[in-house]
Amino acid sequence: MSLEEKLLKDFQSLSDDKKREVIDFVEFLKIRNREVVNLMDDIIEENREAFEELSK
């Protein structure tokens, strides 16, 4: 059984309020990932000159 199949099977057995919690958690993970990517982009941009010097 694939991870997707297991997740779907387990999800279907939950009550509606627990399903909502799962959906909320997935949304949280997506937002957190975007925040990390944005933070890394900011760090790179703020330190571009130093990174360029280090790459020589």
C-alpha atoms as a PDB file:
ATOM      1  CA  MET A   1       0.000   0.000   0.000  1.00  0.00           C
ATOM      2  CA  SER A   2       1.414   3.394  -0.974  1.00  0.00           C
ATOM      3  CA  LEU A   3       1.644   6.302   1.434  1.00  0.00           C
ATOM      4  CA  GLU A   4      -1.150   8.063  -0.440  1.00  0.00           C
ATOM      5  CA  GLU A   5      -3.425   5.034  -0.185  1.00  0.00           C
ATOM      6  CA  LYS A   6      -2.727   4.633   3.529  1.00  0.00           C
ATOM      7  CA  LEU A   7      -3.352   8.297   4.167  1.00  0.00           C
ATOM      8  CA  LEU A   8      -6.624   8.241   2.266  1.00  0.00           C
ATOM      9  CA  LYS A   9      -7.781   5.058   4.015  1.00  0.00           C
ATOM     10  CA  ASP A  10      -6.943   6.476   7.445  1.00  0.00           C
ATOM     11  CA  PHE A  11      -8.439   9.848   6.579  1.00  0.00           C
ATOM     12  CA  GLN A  12     -11.729   8.299   5.502  1.00  0.00           C
ATOM     13  CA  SER A  13     -12.097   6.566   8.849  1.00  0.00           C
ATOM     14  CA  LEU A  14     -11.874   9.831  10.823  1.00  0.00           C
ATOM     15  CA  SER A  15     -14.740  11.890  12.123  1.00  0.00           C
ATOM     16  CA  ASP A  16     -15.449  15.170  10.354  1.00  0.00           C
ATOM     17  CA  ASP A  17     -13.832  17.242  13.100  1.00  0.00           C
ATOM     18  CA  LYS A  18     -10.651  15.129  12.937  1.00  0.00           C
ATOM     19  CA  LYS A  19     -10.637  15.430   9.140  1.00  0.00           C
ATOM     20  CA  ARG A  20     -10.721  19.212   9.566  1.00  0.00           C
ATOM     21  CA  GLU A  21      -7.715  18.988  11.909  1.00  0.00           C
ATOM     22  CA  VAL A  22      -5.785  16.998   9.306  1.00  0.00           C
ATOM     23  CA  ILE A  23      -6.630  19.551   6.611  1.00  0.00           C
ATOM     24  CA  ASP A  24      -5.612  22.400   8.898  1.00  0.00           C
ATOM     25  CA  PHE A  25      -2.299  20.677   9.642  1.00  0.00           C
ATOM     26  CA  VAL A  26      -1.580  20.179   5.935  1.00  0.00           C
ATOM     27  CA  GLU A  27      -2.270  23.884   5.351  1.00  0.00           C
ATOM     28  CA  PHE A  28       0.075  24.745   8.228  1.00  0.00           C
ATOM     29  CA  LEU A  29       2.843  22.633   6.674  1.00  0.00           C
ATOM     30  CA  LYS A  30       2.416  24.320   3.304  1.00  0.00           C
ATOM     31  CA  ILE A  31       2.564  27.803   4.858  1.00  0.00           C
ATOM     32  CA  ARG A  32       5.575  26.901   7.001  1.00  0.00           C
ATOM     33  CA  ASN A  33       7.418  25.609   3.951  1.00  0.00           C
ATOM     34  CA  ARG A  34       6.746  28.847   2.056  1.00  0.00           C
ATOM     35  CA  GLU A  35       8.007  30.867   5.026  1.00  0.00           C
ATOM     36  CA  VAL A  36      11.245  28.869   5.144  1.00  0.00           C
ATOM     37  CA  VAL A  37      11.797  29.354   1.406  1.00  0.00           C
ATOM     38  CA  ASN A  38      11.137  33.087   1.724  1.00  0.00           C
ATOM     39  CA  LEU A  39      13.496  33.322   4.693  1.00  0.00           C
ATOM     40  CA  MET A  40      16.250  31.569   2.774  1.00  0.00           C
ATOM     41  CA  ASP A  41      15.693  33.857  -0.224  1.00  0.00           C
ATOM     42  CA  ASP A  42      16.018  36.881   2.086  1.00  0.00           C
ATOM     43  CA  ILE A  43      19.226  35.546   3.643  1.00  0.00           C
ATOM     44  CA  ILE A  44      20.741  34.914   0.229  1.00  0.00           C
ATOM     45  CA  GLU A  45      19.790  38.351  -1.050  1.00  0.00           C
ATOM     46  CA  GLU A  46      21.073  40.125   2.073  1.00  0.00           C
ATOM     47  CA  ASN A  47      24.398  38.298   1.828  1.00  0.00           C
ATOM     48  CA  ARG A  48      24.815  38.129  -1.944  1.00  0.00           C
ATOM     49  CA  GLU A  49      28.172  39.957  -1.951  1.00  0.00           C
ATOM     50  CA  ALA A  50      29.619  37.707   0.738  1.00  0.00           C
ATOM     51  CA  PHE A  51      28.444  34.579  -1.088  1.00  0.00           C
ATOM     52  CA  GLU A  52      29.957  35.836  -4.313  1.00  0.00           C
ATOM     53  CA  GLU A  53      33.286  36.459  -2.557  1.00  0.00           C
ATOM     54  CA  LEU A  54      33.221  33.004  -1.018  1.00  0.00           C
ATOM     55  CA  SER A  55      32.557  31.385  -4.388  1.00  0.00           C
ATOM     56  CA  LYS A  56      35.777  32.794  -5.914  1.00  0.00           C
END
